Every structure is written in structure tokens, then in C-alpha cells.
Amino acid sequence: MKKTRLAIALALSTATLGTIGCGVNEDLYNSTVKDRDAQKQQLAATQTALDQEKAQRKKDIDARDARILVLSNKLSSLGQDVSRLETERGSLGGELAEAQKRMEELKKAQAQAEARAAQFRKLVTQFKALTDAGKLQVEIRENRMIVRLGDKILFDPGKTDLKPEGKDALTQVTAVLKSLPNRNFQVAGHTDNVPIKSKRFRSNWDLSTARAVEVTNFMIGAGMEPKRVSAAGYADQSPVVPNDSPDNMAKNRRIEITLVPNLDDLPPIDDALKGDAPAAPTAPAAGPAAAPVPPAAPPS
């Protein structure tokens, strides 16, 4: 509209100029020029206002775009945080499950330890008469329960025939041990470090093994199931004290009846494979393979 009025004013001005020389009124001409100039000023002001508005709008758009970028970055960051939190939640869930599993294993191990302790106290009570008489000792060594009998009541020096006092003690020991459910036993023979060499025994290995077999046969004859007992000889390779005095050497000449750990007493196989399972109880120094036990004779 404003542009149209300006065009009309310019046309009138041109017409006026053309008619001045034709006798057009000078006042009309001046009025038209003045009106034209006013229209031009108004147009310039309008253009300035439009330019300012355009600049402000551009500024507003840039500010909006900047805010959008900030919000987009925040949203992206939040998305990453959510993803990280989800990952952490999954990891914590796995750790919690593992901790619960460990707790159950610890509870089971504690229950087993308490059961072994109760069994040990029961054995000590049942063997109290023999222990008080000095015929045997009950002890825990290397996490295993052991009944130890000295060779003084069992055998004469260098012999494997059981003495009457030894037979009486073994009869009582067998009666207690065979009543323990789900337990197997290893009978181990031990000597001091004095070498033996005879027609029957080439070394302490032969003597210790033969004595273990003799005790095993007697226990089977006294009612122990053969499948629950084995025999082994360790010679002088697993002393309980140094062989530096007659008394200590006598302590090392012995028969030990060990309660063999059940599979339930061992660490879980998956932990053992991971390499972080608790160390299994260390066995005594390796002796020869467990000796086969010949058919038992009735105890005499």
C-alpha cells in the first residue's frame, strides 16, 4: 500500500514537472513534492524497522538453536548416563548373585566345620578311657581328624604281629569308627629314621606298609566294612617331631587312622577351576600307593 502511494506521488511529481511549463500551479507542485518526500522518509523508516526486526529475529533464532544444541547434548548425555546405569545395574546384579552364592557356600562350610568339630568332640569323649590310659591320641592335623596309636602297644620292635594290648585297643577303636556314617578311613604306618634291613623287610617302607596292612586286616575282622578302609606306608617321611631323641623317635613310630574327607568337605569344583578356591588340606609326604588288603582273619 505504502509503495503504491509512493509510486502515485512520483507520477504526480513527474506530471507536475511536465505541466509547470504548461502553466501548472506552483503551490500544487510544491505540495506534491513535499508529500513525496514525506512518503520517502516513511518508507526509509519502515525499511529500517524491518531490518531491525529481521536482525532481532535472527538473533532469536540463533539463541533458540543454541538452546536446542545444549538440550540435545544434555539429552545425549542423559542417554549415555542411563545406558551406563543400566550396565552398572546389570553388573551389580551379577555381583549380588555371586555374593549370595559365596554366602551360601560359607554357610555350608561353616556348618561342615561345626559338624566336624562336633564329631571330633564326640570321638574325644568316646576314646577318653583309651586316651587317659595313654594308648592313643585324637587330634586335628592339616585339617584332618586323626586317631594316633603308638607302636609300643601295637608291635614289638621290627615286628608286624599285633600285641594283645594292641588288639584290645584296636577293637575299641574299630567299634567307634565303624559307627560313623559315610566316613572312610586310611590306616597309615610310620617309622623313625633308623634304617631296617632284614630278610622280610628291605626298608622302613616295607615295615610301615606291612604294619598298616596288619592293622587294616584286624579292623576288617572286627567289623569294619572293607570298602571303607585302606592302608598305606610312609616310612620315616612324615615325622610328627624331629628324630633327635629316643622319646621323639618313639613318637614317630606309630599307626595313624585318618578320617578321609568327604567330597562335601572339598571346595566347589568351579572355584577350584578358577584358581581362587581355598587351598585344599596338604596331605602328608607321599608314600607308596595304598597297599592292597588281603582277606581279613577274625580277630584273635
Protein backbone atom coordinates (compact mmCIF):
# COMPACT_ATOMS: atom_id res chain seq x y z
CA MET A 1 0.00 0.00 0.00
CA LYS A 2 2.74 2.40 1.00
CA LYS A 3 4.73 1.53 -2.11
CA THR A 4 1.65 2.21 -4.28
CA ARG A 5 1.15 5.64 -2.73
CA LEU A 6 4.81 6.44 -3.30
CA ALA A 7 4.52 5.45 -6.94
CA ILE A 8 1.46 7.68 -7.36
CA ALA A 9 3.31 10.58 -5.74
CA LEU A 10 6.26 10.12 -8.08
CA ALA A 11 3.91 10.02 -11.05
CA LEU A 12 2.18 13.21 -9.92
CA SER A 13 5.56 14.85 -9.43
CA THR A 14 6.57 13.94 -12.93
CA ALA A 15 3.28 15.13 -14.27
CA THR A 16 3.59 18.36 -12.35
CA LEU A 17 7.05 19.00 -13.71
CA GLY A 18 5.73 18.38 -17.13
CA THR A 19 2.93 20.81 -16.59
CA ILE A 20 4.83 23.59 -14.85
CA GLY A 21 5.93 24.82 -18.11
CA CYS A 22 2.35 24.44 -19.17
CA GLY A 23 1.11 26.82 -16.55
CA VAL A 24 0.58 24.28 -13.56
CA ASN A 25 0.03 25.96 -10.22
CA GLU A 26 3.33 26.24 -8.30
CA ASP A 27 1.68 25.65 -4.92
CA LEU A 28 0.26 22.37 -6.14
CA TYR A 29 3.64 21.33 -7.38
CA ASN A 30 5.37 22.15 -4.09
CA SER A 31 2.71 20.34 -2.14
CA THR A 32 3.16 17.26 -4.27
CA VAL A 33 6.93 17.26 -3.85
CA LYS A 34 6.58 17.67 -0.11
CA ASP A 35 4.20 14.78 0.06
CA ARG A 36 6.58 12.66 -2.00
CA ASP A 37 9.48 13.44 0.34
CA ALA A 38 7.40 12.54 3.35
CA GLN A 39 6.47 9.25 1.73
CA LYS A 40 10.14 8.51 1.03
CA GLN A 41 11.09 9.21 4.68
CA GLN A 42 8.29 6.99 5.88
CA LEU A 43 9.41 4.24 3.52
CA ALA A 44 13.01 4.53 4.78
CA ALA A 45 11.81 4.37 8.41
CA THR A 46 9.72 1.34 7.59
CA GLN A 47 12.71 -0.35 5.92
CA THR A 48 14.87 0.40 8.96
CA ALA A 49 12.26 -1.05 11.28
CA LEU A 50 12.04 -4.18 9.09
CA ASP A 51 15.82 -4.58 9.11
CA GLN A 52 15.90 -4.25 12.88
CA GLU A 53 13.09 -6.76 13.27
CA LYS A 54 14.87 -9.15 10.91
CA ALA A 55 18.10 -8.81 12.88
CA GLN A 56 16.24 -9.44 16.15
CA ARG A 57 14.50 -12.47 14.70
CA LYS A 58 17.86 -13.84 13.51
CA LYS A 59 19.26 -13.26 16.97
CA ASP A 60 16.28 -15.06 18.50
CA ILE A 61 16.68 -17.96 16.07
CA ASP A 62 20.39 -18.25 16.86
CA ALA A 63 19.63 -18.23 20.58
CA ARG A 64 16.94 -20.86 20.08
CA ASP A 65 19.33 -23.02 18.05
CA ALA A 66 21.94 -22.67 20.78
CA ARG A 67 19.41 -23.76 23.41
CA ILE A 68 18.37 -26.68 21.23
CA LEU A 69 22.02 -27.74 20.90
CA VAL A 70 22.52 -27.53 24.67
CA LEU A 71 19.36 -29.53 25.29
CA SER A 72 20.35 -32.08 22.65
CA ASN A 73 23.75 -32.50 24.28
CA LYS A 74 22.12 -32.88 27.68
CA LEU A 75 19.69 -35.41 26.29
CA SER A 76 22.53 -37.34 24.69
CA SER A 77 24.46 -37.23 27.96
CA LEU A 78 21.41 -38.40 29.86
CA GLY A 79 21.01 -41.22 27.38
CA GLN A 80 24.60 -42.27 27.96
CA ASP A 81 24.11 -41.99 31.71
CA VAL A 82 21.02 -44.16 31.50
CA SER A 83 22.94 -46.71 29.45
CA ARG A 84 25.82 -46.63 31.93
CA LEU A 85 23.43 -47.00 34.84
CA GLU A 86 21.76 -49.95 33.15
CA THR A 87 25.17 -51.56 32.67
CA GLU A 88 26.12 -50.88 36.26
CA ARG A 89 22.81 -52.27 37.45
CA GLY A 90 23.43 -55.45 35.49
CA SER A 91 26.95 -55.69 36.88
CA LEU A 92 25.74 -55.08 40.42
CA GLY A 93 23.06 -57.70 39.94
CA GLY A 94 25.72 -60.22 38.92
CA GLU A 95 27.93 -59.26 41.86
CA LEU A 96 24.99 -59.59 44.22
CA ALA A 97 24.19 -63.05 42.90
CA GLU A 98 27.85 -64.03 43.27
CA ALA A 99 27.94 -62.64 46.80
CA GLN A 100 24.81 -64.58 47.69
CA LYS A 101 26.36 -67.73 46.24
CA ARG A 102 29.52 -67.14 48.27
CA MET A 103 27.43 -66.56 51.37
CA GLU A 104 25.63 -69.86 50.87
CA GLU A 105 28.97 -71.62 50.38
CA LEU A 106 30.34 -70.01 53.54
CA LYS A 107 27.25 -71.07 55.48
CA LYS A 108 27.67 -74.60 54.15
CA ALA A 109 31.39 -74.61 55.01
CA GLN A 110 30.61 -73.29 58.49
CA ALA A 111 28.01 -75.99 59.01
CA GLN A 112 30.51 -78.62 57.86
CA ALA A 113 33.20 -77.22 60.16
CA GLU A 114 30.76 -77.27 63.09
CA ALA A 115 29.79 -80.84 62.22
CA ARG A 116 33.46 -81.87 62.13
CA ALA A 117 34.07 -80.13 65.46
CA ALA A 118 31.09 -81.92 66.98
CA GLN A 119 32.33 -85.22 65.56
CA PHE A 120 35.80 -84.53 66.96
CA ARG A 121 34.39 -83.80 70.43
CA LYS A 122 32.34 -86.97 70.25
CA LEU A 123 35.41 -89.03 69.31
CA VAL A 124 37.43 -87.49 72.11
CA THR A 125 34.67 -88.40 74.56
CA GLN A 126 34.32 -91.95 73.22
CA PHE A 127 38.08 -92.50 73.29
CA LYS A 128 38.55 -90.85 76.68
CA ALA A 129 39.35 -94.10 78.50
CA LEU A 130 41.97 -95.10 75.93
CA THR A 131 43.36 -91.57 75.85
CA ASP A 132 43.61 -91.37 79.62
CA ALA A 133 45.41 -94.72 79.59
CA GLY A 134 47.94 -93.31 77.11
CA LYS A 135 47.07 -95.84 74.44
CA LEU A 136 46.00 -93.35 71.76
CA GLN A 137 45.57 -89.69 70.94
CA VAL A 138 42.87 -87.93 68.92
CA GLU A 139 43.98 -84.79 67.09
CA ILE A 140 43.30 -82.47 64.16
CA ARG A 141 46.28 -82.12 61.86
CA GLU A 142 46.34 -80.47 58.42
CA ASN A 143 42.55 -80.12 58.70
CA ARG A 144 42.10 -83.87 59.13
CA MET A 145 40.89 -85.87 62.09
CA ILE A 146 43.42 -88.48 63.17
CA VAL A 147 43.48 -91.30 65.71
CA ARG A 148 47.11 -92.00 66.60
CA LEU A 149 48.35 -95.16 68.30
CA GLY A 150 51.97 -95.64 69.34
CA ASP A 151 53.78 -98.74 68.19
CA LYS A 152 54.64 -99.61 71.83
CA ILE A 153 51.17 -101.04 72.47
CA LEU A 154 50.78 -102.46 68.95
CA PHE A 155 54.05 -104.12 67.90
CA ASP A 156 57.35 -105.39 69.16
CA PRO A 157 60.41 -103.70 67.54
CA GLY A 158 60.77 -104.66 63.89
CA LYS A 159 57.67 -106.88 64.03
CA THR A 160 54.19 -106.74 62.47
CA ASP A 161 52.32 -109.13 64.75
CA LEU A 162 49.82 -107.25 66.91
CA LYS A 163 50.30 -107.50 70.66
CA PRO A 164 47.28 -108.43 72.82
CA GLU A 165 47.10 -104.92 74.28
CA GLY A 166 47.12 -103.51 70.75
CA LYS A 167 44.33 -105.81 69.64
CA ASP A 168 42.19 -104.73 72.60
CA ALA A 169 42.73 -101.05 71.75
CA LEU A 170 42.02 -101.58 68.05
CA THR A 171 38.82 -103.48 68.85
CA GLN A 172 37.52 -100.46 70.78
CA VAL A 173 38.71 -98.04 68.09
CA THR A 174 37.02 -100.04 65.32
CA ALA A 175 33.74 -100.20 67.24
CA VAL A 176 33.66 -96.39 67.43
CA LEU A 177 34.86 -95.63 63.91
CA LYS A 178 32.58 -98.04 62.08
CA SER A 179 29.59 -96.30 63.70
CA LEU A 180 30.45 -93.02 61.97
CA PRO A 181 28.16 -92.70 58.92
CA ASN A 182 29.52 -92.05 55.45
CA ARG A 183 33.16 -91.99 56.53
CA ASN A 184 36.13 -93.85 55.09
CA PHE A 185 39.48 -94.31 56.80
CA GLN A 186 43.12 -94.64 55.85
CA VAL A 187 45.46 -96.63 58.07
CA ALA A 188 49.00 -95.24 57.76
CA GLY A 189 52.17 -96.81 59.11
CA HIS A 190 55.10 -94.61 60.20
CA THR A 191 58.60 -95.39 61.47
CA ASP A 192 61.52 -93.46 62.91
CA ASN A 193 64.61 -92.76 60.80
CA VAL A 194 66.61 -95.80 61.90
CA PRO A 195 67.02 -97.97 58.79
CA ILE A 196 65.84 -101.59 58.90
CA LYS A 197 67.09 -104.35 56.68
CA SER A 198 66.10 -107.94 57.17
CA LYS A 199 65.07 -110.95 55.17
CA ARG A 200 61.44 -109.82 55.34
CA PHE A 201 61.81 -106.01 55.22
CA ARG A 202 64.19 -104.33 52.82
CA SER A 203 63.50 -100.86 54.27
CA ASN A 204 61.22 -98.84 56.53
CA TRP A 205 58.85 -98.55 53.58
CA ASP A 206 58.18 -102.29 53.74
CA LEU A 207 57.85 -102.29 57.54
CA SER A 208 55.48 -99.30 57.72
CA THR A 209 53.29 -100.66 54.94
CA ALA A 210 53.16 -104.17 56.41
CA ARG A 211 52.11 -102.77 59.79
CA ALA A 212 49.38 -100.67 58.18
CA VAL A 213 48.05 -103.73 56.34
CA GLU A 214 48.10 -105.75 59.58
CA VAL A 215 46.04 -103.13 61.40
CA THR A 216 43.66 -102.81 58.44
CA ASN A 217 43.07 -106.56 58.36
CA PHE A 218 42.37 -106.58 62.06
CA MET A 219 39.84 -103.74 61.75
CA ILE A 220 38.05 -105.55 58.93
CA GLY A 221 37.92 -108.68 61.07
CA ALA A 222 36.49 -106.57 63.90
CA GLY A 223 33.54 -105.48 61.75
CA MET A 224 34.78 -102.59 59.61
CA GLU A 225 33.49 -102.72 56.01
CA PRO A 226 36.48 -103.44 53.71
CA LYS A 227 35.39 -100.75 51.24
CA ARG A 228 35.68 -98.10 53.94
CA VAL A 229 39.32 -98.66 54.84
CA SER A 230 42.68 -98.56 53.03
CA ALA A 231 46.32 -98.95 54.04
CA ALA A 232 49.49 -97.03 53.24
CA GLY A 233 53.06 -96.81 54.49
CA TYR A 234 55.09 -93.61 54.86
CA ALA A 235 58.31 -94.99 56.36
CA ASP A 236 60.12 -92.11 58.13
CA GLN A 237 58.97 -89.43 55.66
CA SER A 238 56.23 -87.86 57.78
CA PRO A 239 57.51 -87.44 61.33
CA VAL A 240 55.43 -85.58 63.91
CA VAL A 241 58.59 -84.46 65.76
CA PRO A 242 62.30 -84.44 64.86
CA ASN A 243 64.07 -87.78 65.30
CA ASP A 244 66.60 -86.23 67.70
CA SER A 245 65.93 -88.18 70.90
CA PRO A 246 64.70 -91.63 71.95
CA ASP A 247 61.39 -90.16 73.16
CA ASN A 248 60.80 -88.32 69.86
CA MET A 249 61.74 -91.39 67.83
CA ALA A 250 59.16 -93.37 69.83
CA LYS A 251 56.52 -90.75 68.96
CA ASN A 252 57.28 -91.12 65.26
CA ARG A 253 56.86 -94.92 65.38
CA ARG A 254 53.09 -95.01 65.14
CA ILE A 255 49.91 -96.05 63.37
CA GLU A 256 47.55 -93.25 62.32
CA ILE A 257 43.92 -93.82 61.35
CA THR A 258 42.79 -90.80 59.36
CA LEU A 259 39.18 -89.89 58.62
CA VAL A 260 39.22 -89.36 54.85
CA PRO A 261 37.44 -86.10 53.88
CA ASN A 262 34.14 -86.49 52.05
CA LEU A 263 33.53 -84.76 48.73
CA ASP A 264 31.28 -82.31 50.60
CA ASP A 265 34.33 -81.19 52.59
CA LEU A 266 36.16 -80.13 49.43
CA PRO A 267 35.80 -76.72 47.69
CA PRO A 268 33.32 -76.43 44.79
CA ILE A 269 34.81 -77.62 41.52
CA ASP A 270 34.02 -74.35 39.69
CA ASP A 271 36.00 -72.37 42.29
CA ALA A 272 38.86 -74.83 42.07
CA LEU A 273 38.97 -74.37 38.30
CA LYS A 274 39.02 -70.59 38.72
CA GLY A 275 42.09 -70.91 40.87
CA ASP A 276 40.68 -68.89 43.75
CA ALA A 277 39.43 -71.71 45.89
CA PRO A 278 40.87 -72.12 49.38
CA ALA A 279 43.89 -74.38 49.38
CA ALA A 280 42.99 -77.99 49.99
CA PRO A 281 44.47 -79.61 53.11
CA THR A 282 48.05 -80.63 52.49
CA ALA A 283 48.48 -84.36 52.54
CA PRO A 284 51.37 -85.97 54.41
CA ALA A 285 54.51 -86.64 52.46
CA ALA A 286 53.67 -89.04 49.65
CA GLY A 287 54.29 -92.68 50.38
CA PRO A 288 53.85 -95.70 48.15
CA ALA A 289 50.46 -96.41 46.68
CA ALA A 290 47.91 -97.69 49.15
CA ALA A 291 48.64 -101.33 49.75
CA PRO A 292 46.04 -103.90 48.72
CA VAL A 293 44.45 -105.56 51.74
CA PRO A 294 44.34 -109.33 51.78
CA PRO A 295 41.24 -111.12 53.12
CA ALA A 296 40.75 -110.42 56.81
CA ALA A 297 41.18 -113.00 59.51
CA PRO A 298 38.92 -112.93 62.57
CA PRO A 299 40.49 -111.01 65.43
CA SER A 300 42.23 -113.22 67.92
